[in-house]
Amino acid sequence: MKRLPLVYIEWDDHHANASWQDTVDHDPAHCMSVGWLYHEDHKGVTLISNVTDDTVGNSQFILKSCITKRKVVKR
């Protein structure tokens, strides 16, 4: 497996609530993720949190339009 950059990403997530409630939260959920940048294109980024010599695990796709901040932690 090639060496992947370790990145920190802040992003706004969609959310839903199917229960009865007095008020409705209209703001996105602000999230922070750290992982190895496995793939990036015009749609988004895919982070992974586990890496072996030939496999990866625990992937997470984040839409680029939801990313508010990003930083390379280690190349």
C-alpha atoms as a PDB file:
ATOM      1  CA  MET A   1       0.000   0.000   0.000  1.00  0.00           C
ATOM      2  CA  LYS A   2       1.325   3.438  -0.906  1.00  0.00           C
ATOM      3  CA  ARG A   3       1.922   5.960   1.859  1.00  0.00           C
ATOM      4  CA  LEU A   4      -1.211   8.038   2.484  1.00  0.00           C
ATOM      5  CA  PRO A   5      -1.396  11.538   4.028  1.00  0.00           C
ATOM      6  CA  LEU A   6      -3.012  11.823   7.456  1.00  0.00           C
ATOM      7  CA  VAL A   7      -5.598  14.643   7.413  1.00  0.00           C
ATOM      8  CA  TYR A   8      -7.899  16.514   9.800  1.00  0.00           C
ATOM      9  CA  ILE A   9     -11.238  17.604   8.325  1.00  0.00           C
ATOM     10  CA  GLU A  10     -14.056  19.685   9.783  1.00  0.00           C
ATOM     11  CA  TRP A  11     -17.376  19.315   8.008  1.00  0.00           C
ATOM     12  CA  ASP A  12     -21.075  20.004   8.347  1.00  0.00           C
ATOM     13  CA  ASP A  13     -23.313  16.943   8.312  1.00  0.00           C
ATOM     14  CA  HIS A  14     -26.965  16.483   7.479  1.00  0.00           C
ATOM     15  CA  HIS A  15     -29.181  15.073  10.211  1.00  0.00           C
ATOM     16  CA  ALA A  16     -32.700  13.846  10.772  1.00  0.00           C
ATOM     17  CA  ASN A  17     -34.988  13.186  13.715  1.00  0.00           C
ATOM     18  CA  ALA A  18     -38.074  11.002  13.360  1.00  0.00           C
ATOM     19  CA  SER A  19     -39.386  11.563  16.887  1.00  0.00           C
ATOM     20  CA  TRP A  20     -42.003  14.058  18.096  1.00  0.00           C
ATOM     21  CA  GLN A  21     -40.344  17.255  19.313  1.00  0.00           C
ATOM     22  CA  ASP A  22     -41.200  20.753  20.526  1.00  0.00           C
ATOM     23  CA  THR A  23     -38.577  22.436  18.326  1.00  0.00           C
ATOM     24  CA  VAL A  24     -36.633  21.447  15.238  1.00  0.00           C
ATOM     25  CA  ASP A  25     -32.875  21.959  14.922  1.00  0.00           C
ATOM     26  CA  HIS A  26     -32.250  23.732  11.628  1.00  0.00           C
ATOM     27  CA  ASP A  27     -28.436  23.843  11.840  1.00  0.00           C
ATOM     28  CA  PRO A  28     -26.134  21.157  10.459  1.00  0.00           C
ATOM     29  CA  ALA A  29     -24.181  18.955  12.842  1.00  0.00           C
ATOM     30  CA  HIS A  30     -20.548  20.178  12.893  1.00  0.00           C
ATOM     31  CA  CYS A  31     -18.176  17.203  12.744  1.00  0.00           C
ATOM     32  CA  MET A  32     -14.417  16.648  12.988  1.00  0.00           C
ATOM     33  CA  SER A  33     -12.653  13.649  11.469  1.00  0.00           C
ATOM     34  CA  VAL A  34      -9.052  12.438  11.297  1.00  0.00           C
ATOM     35  CA  GLY A  35      -7.936   9.735   8.900  1.00  0.00           C
ATOM     36  CA  TRP A  36      -5.721   8.698   6.029  1.00  0.00           C
ATOM     37  CA  LEU A  37      -6.786  10.326   2.760  1.00  0.00           C
ATOM     38  CA  TYR A  38      -7.526   7.308   0.564  1.00  0.00           C
ATOM     39  CA  HIS A  39      -9.211   9.049  -2.384  1.00  0.00           C
ATOM     40  CA  GLU A  40     -10.255  12.538  -3.452  1.00  0.00           C
ATOM     41  CA  ASP A  41     -12.136  13.816  -6.490  1.00  0.00           C
ATOM     42  CA  HIS A  42     -14.570  16.601  -7.404  1.00  0.00           C
ATOM     43  CA  LYS A  43     -17.358  14.917  -5.367  1.00  0.00           C
ATOM     44  CA  GLY A  44     -15.568  14.407  -2.069  1.00  0.00           C
ATOM     45  CA  VAL A  45     -12.917  12.688   0.007  1.00  0.00           C
ATOM     46  CA  THR A  46     -12.672   9.183   1.407  1.00  0.00           C
ATOM     47  CA  LEU A  47     -10.862   8.766   4.719  1.00  0.00           C
ATOM     48  CA  ILE A  48      -9.837   5.472   6.259  1.00  0.00           C
ATOM     49  CA  SER A  49      -8.900   4.805   9.871  1.00  0.00           C
ATOM     50  CA  ASN A  50      -7.223   1.385   9.578  1.00  0.00           C
ATOM     51  CA  VAL A  51      -4.451   0.379   7.184  1.00  0.00           C
ATOM     52  CA  THR A  52      -2.477  -2.848   6.717  1.00  0.00           C
ATOM     53  CA  ASP A  53       0.111  -3.716   4.059  1.00  0.00           C
ATOM     54  CA  ASP A  54      -2.600  -4.636   1.553  1.00  0.00           C
ATOM     55  CA  THR A  55      -6.040  -3.753   2.985  1.00  0.00           C
ATOM     56  CA  VAL A  56      -7.907  -0.782   4.463  1.00  0.00           C
ATOM     57  CA  GLY A  57     -10.781  -0.563   6.940  1.00  0.00           C
ATOM     58  CA  ASN A  58     -13.373   1.801   8.365  1.00  0.00           C
ATOM     59  CA  SER A  59     -13.873   4.109   5.387  1.00  0.00           C
ATOM     60  CA  GLN A  60     -15.792   7.378   5.504  1.00  0.00           C
ATOM     61  CA  PHE A  61     -16.940   9.459   2.511  1.00  0.00           C
ATOM     62  CA  ILE A  62     -17.420  13.221   3.014  1.00  0.00           C
ATOM     63  CA  LEU A  63     -18.951  15.472   0.353  1.00  0.00           C
ATOM     64  CA  LYS A  64     -16.612  18.311  -0.647  1.00  0.00           C
ATOM     65  CA  SER A  65     -19.480  20.792  -0.380  1.00  0.00           C
ATOM     66  CA  CYS A  66     -19.745  19.942   3.352  1.00  0.00           C
ATOM     67  CA  ILE A  67     -16.043  20.478   4.200  1.00  0.00           C
ATOM     68  CA  THR A  68     -15.398  23.697   6.134  1.00  0.00           C
ATOM     69  CA  LYS A  69     -11.737  23.192   7.116  1.00  0.00           C
ATOM     70  CA  ARG A  70      -8.944  20.763   6.356  1.00  0.00           C
ATOM     71  CA  LYS A  71      -5.330  20.344   7.390  1.00  0.00           C
ATOM     72  CA  VAL A  72      -2.626  17.823   6.519  1.00  0.00           C
ATOM     73  CA  VAL A  73      -1.377  16.386   9.830  1.00  0.00           C
ATOM     74  CA  LYS A  74       1.391  14.211   8.370  1.00  0.00           C
ATOM     75  CA  ARG A  75       2.525  13.444   4.815  1.00  0.00           C
END
